[in-house]
Structures are given as C-alpha cells and as structure tokens.
Amino acid sequence: MKTVFTTSQFCFLFLLMFTSGRLISQESHKTNNYSATNSGEETYEFNKLVWFDEFDGEGAIDALKWFHQTKLPNGTSWYNSEIQHYTNRTENSFVDSGYLHILAKKEIFTDQGITKQYTSARLNSKFAFTYGKVVIRAKLPFGPGTWPAMWMMGKNVKENGGYWFTKGFGTTGWPACGEIDIMEHWGTNQNYVSSAMHTPSSSGNTINKGGRTIPGVSTGFHIYTMEWTSEKIVFSVDNIVHYTYKPAVKDDRTWPFDKDQYFLLNVAVLSSILPNFTESPLIMDYIRVYQDSTVTHSGSVDSGKTGYFPNPFDSELNIHLGETPQKAVDLRIYDISSRLVKAYNFDDNNEKITLNNLGNLPGGTYFVQYNLNNKPYSFKALKR
C-alpha cells in the first residue's frame, strides 16, 4: 500500500550544499521556488530535498536506490521495436568518478534464451512520490538510433519484471498508470530533446509533448527539470521551459497523476542504429527530488516503525528495526557531502543492531540508509 508521509518523517533529509567534495554552484543547483501564477491554483515552493543520488563511489550502482529491470516483457523483445538486451552487468551500468554511466554497447549477448546484438541497462528507482521538482544533470549519448530516456511511470503499472510489480503494486495497465517523460532524445536531429505525457486520452505517438533544439547535448552537461503539482507539469532545460502539460479537464483519461510515480533511466537501441556504432553512454551527475516542506506528500521511502538511540551518538548507535530481517541487512552511513563513511552487514536476524566504532567520525550530521526485507529505510543522526 502507498505510505503517506508527514513533514516530520522527511526530517532526515535536507538541502545539501556540498556534494562529493564539490561546491554545488548556484548555476547547477539553483532551487527556484515554483509558484503557480494563475488565480485559484495552489502555490508550491519546492524547497526541501527529499531523495537524491549523487552517484558517489566506484563500481556497481547503489542497490538501495536502484533495481535493474532485465526481463523481456514480450517474451522475446522490448517495446517500441527496441533491439537491445537490458542487463544487470557493470559493463552496462556503473558509477565512475562521481557519475552514473548507462552504456549502450554493440555486442552479441544471450539472455532468457534470446540472442541480441546490443546491450544496455534500464534502472527502476526504489523511491516513488507524488508532486515535486526533479532536477537531473546529464550528458546524452551520441548517435542516431540511441534512445536515452529519463522518465517516470505510476508505481501501480502492471509490467512484469518491473521493480514495483515484483512488490505487488502492479494493478493498472499502461497508459492508465500515467507516464511522464522528463527527457527523451532520438532520431537524426541529435540536438533536439523532448518531453511528453502518456495518458489514456493520448498515448503512443502522443499529442501531449514539446521540446527544443539544444546544441551539444551529447558533448556537455545540461540541467533537465520537471515540476509536478496538482495542477500542471512543467518541463525545462537549463531553466528554459519548453513544455507545460495542463489539461482543461482533469479526469482518469487526462490526469492519472495524483498517485506515486517512480523513475526509469535507460538507453534503448533502435533498428536505425548506425552500422559503425560501438558504444555510447548516458552520463548523469546527479538526480534530486524536492518537495514543498509545508505540504504533506506521499512517498515510498519508508521510515517504518524503527527507533534509534542515542541521538546524538558518540561511539555507537543502536537501531531497532521493528521487524525480523529475512535476510542480511546492508547498512551505510553517509556524511552531509553524501560520501560513504561506514558500511555494515548484519546477518544474524536480530531486530536490534548496533553500529560500533563510530568514535572516530567528526561531529556533525549523518544519514543512515539500509534495506530491510526489500524495503529501503533512511534517517538522520547527529554525532557529538
């Protein structure tokens, strides 16, 4: 079931001013307060960071935040005449020097009894939410025939193999679940990026779309933003709006967007791929979600019935999980720069765990994240 969060339950997250040891400039991390301009609309100020991935570290993606979707939904292929396999290998998705790479490659690869000539990755977020501002800094892959996308679907989508489907939320078919395409990039015009909405009123080759030409989207980073309220959804690149979705009539056919949605990140390969293509990545610096701190939102990062003490802590921190672990609990501690400072693994099935050897940590604020029985948990703790 969807978990409704109060403002206090989000208190463990706050606006990060430093990330990966880099000062986030106002240009790359400016959090504009978004206010509706038409009379009668609700006013939102997206001023609270509630979920993020800065893609720190090296190697595999963060399994607490992301799920590899690899199952062929049509038995032998993906939708939209895509010709790649999506894999869970680090050859196709990995973190390097503070950046996520989703790499489309030309290679012979067999999976699920099917051999294909291309591979890539498709990530599902283990976080879902309703209303907010999404900010992504990314550089797109090269070449006609590559199809990078940063997008969202309702977590109730009935899609076999998707993360939320495996958790029992798959009750609604596409497009009734709603789809928000924050950014798509394909075709022969490699400087054109677009955003789109898919609903029962218009899906597939939807009429609800917009985009613009931006030279150098595959050679440099740009800021892709989506602002989602109860009234409309606004898309921009580098703070320039190129499309707003605001249907005159909001019903199940035009507006299935009052329920939780989750992120999908992928690079598809189309049959129009150039013969000399070898590989090209979608590279992401960060993804951040902001919400209005004065509004109660829904979301699926579960704070649960856990408890932790003492807070502030000195050399150890005790956590009561609230339920018996069915498998090992991987736990990580991050500082306010989102750098990993401690990692633990507990496999003794105890509801209470103790984090030792914390005395050498500098005083300050830390974020604790762990997975318990396939659900992500997070909280903020203070070190004396």
Foldseek 3Di string as FASTA:
>chain_A
DFDWDALVQQVQFFDFQFAPNHGQDCLQDPQAQAADDDPPDDGWGQHGFRDKDQLDDWFADDPLWKDWQFDDQVQAHHPPQFFETADRDSVQWIGDPRKIKWKKFQDWDDDSNYTTGIYTTKMWTLKWWAFWKKKWKWADWDFAQKKWWKKKWQLCEQGPRDDSVVVPSPDDHPPLRKMWTQWIAHDPLRQKIKIAIGFQQAHDPGPQMWIDGHPRSNPGIWMWMWGHDPAKIWTDISPHTTHIDGDPDDDSRRDSRRHIMIIMTIMTGHPPTDPPDGMIIIMISMMIITGGSVDTIIMQQDQPPKDKDDFQDAFKIKIQQNAFAPAKKWKFKAASNRDTDDIDIDGPRDRMDMDGGPNPPDWDKMKMWIAGPNHIHIGIGTYD
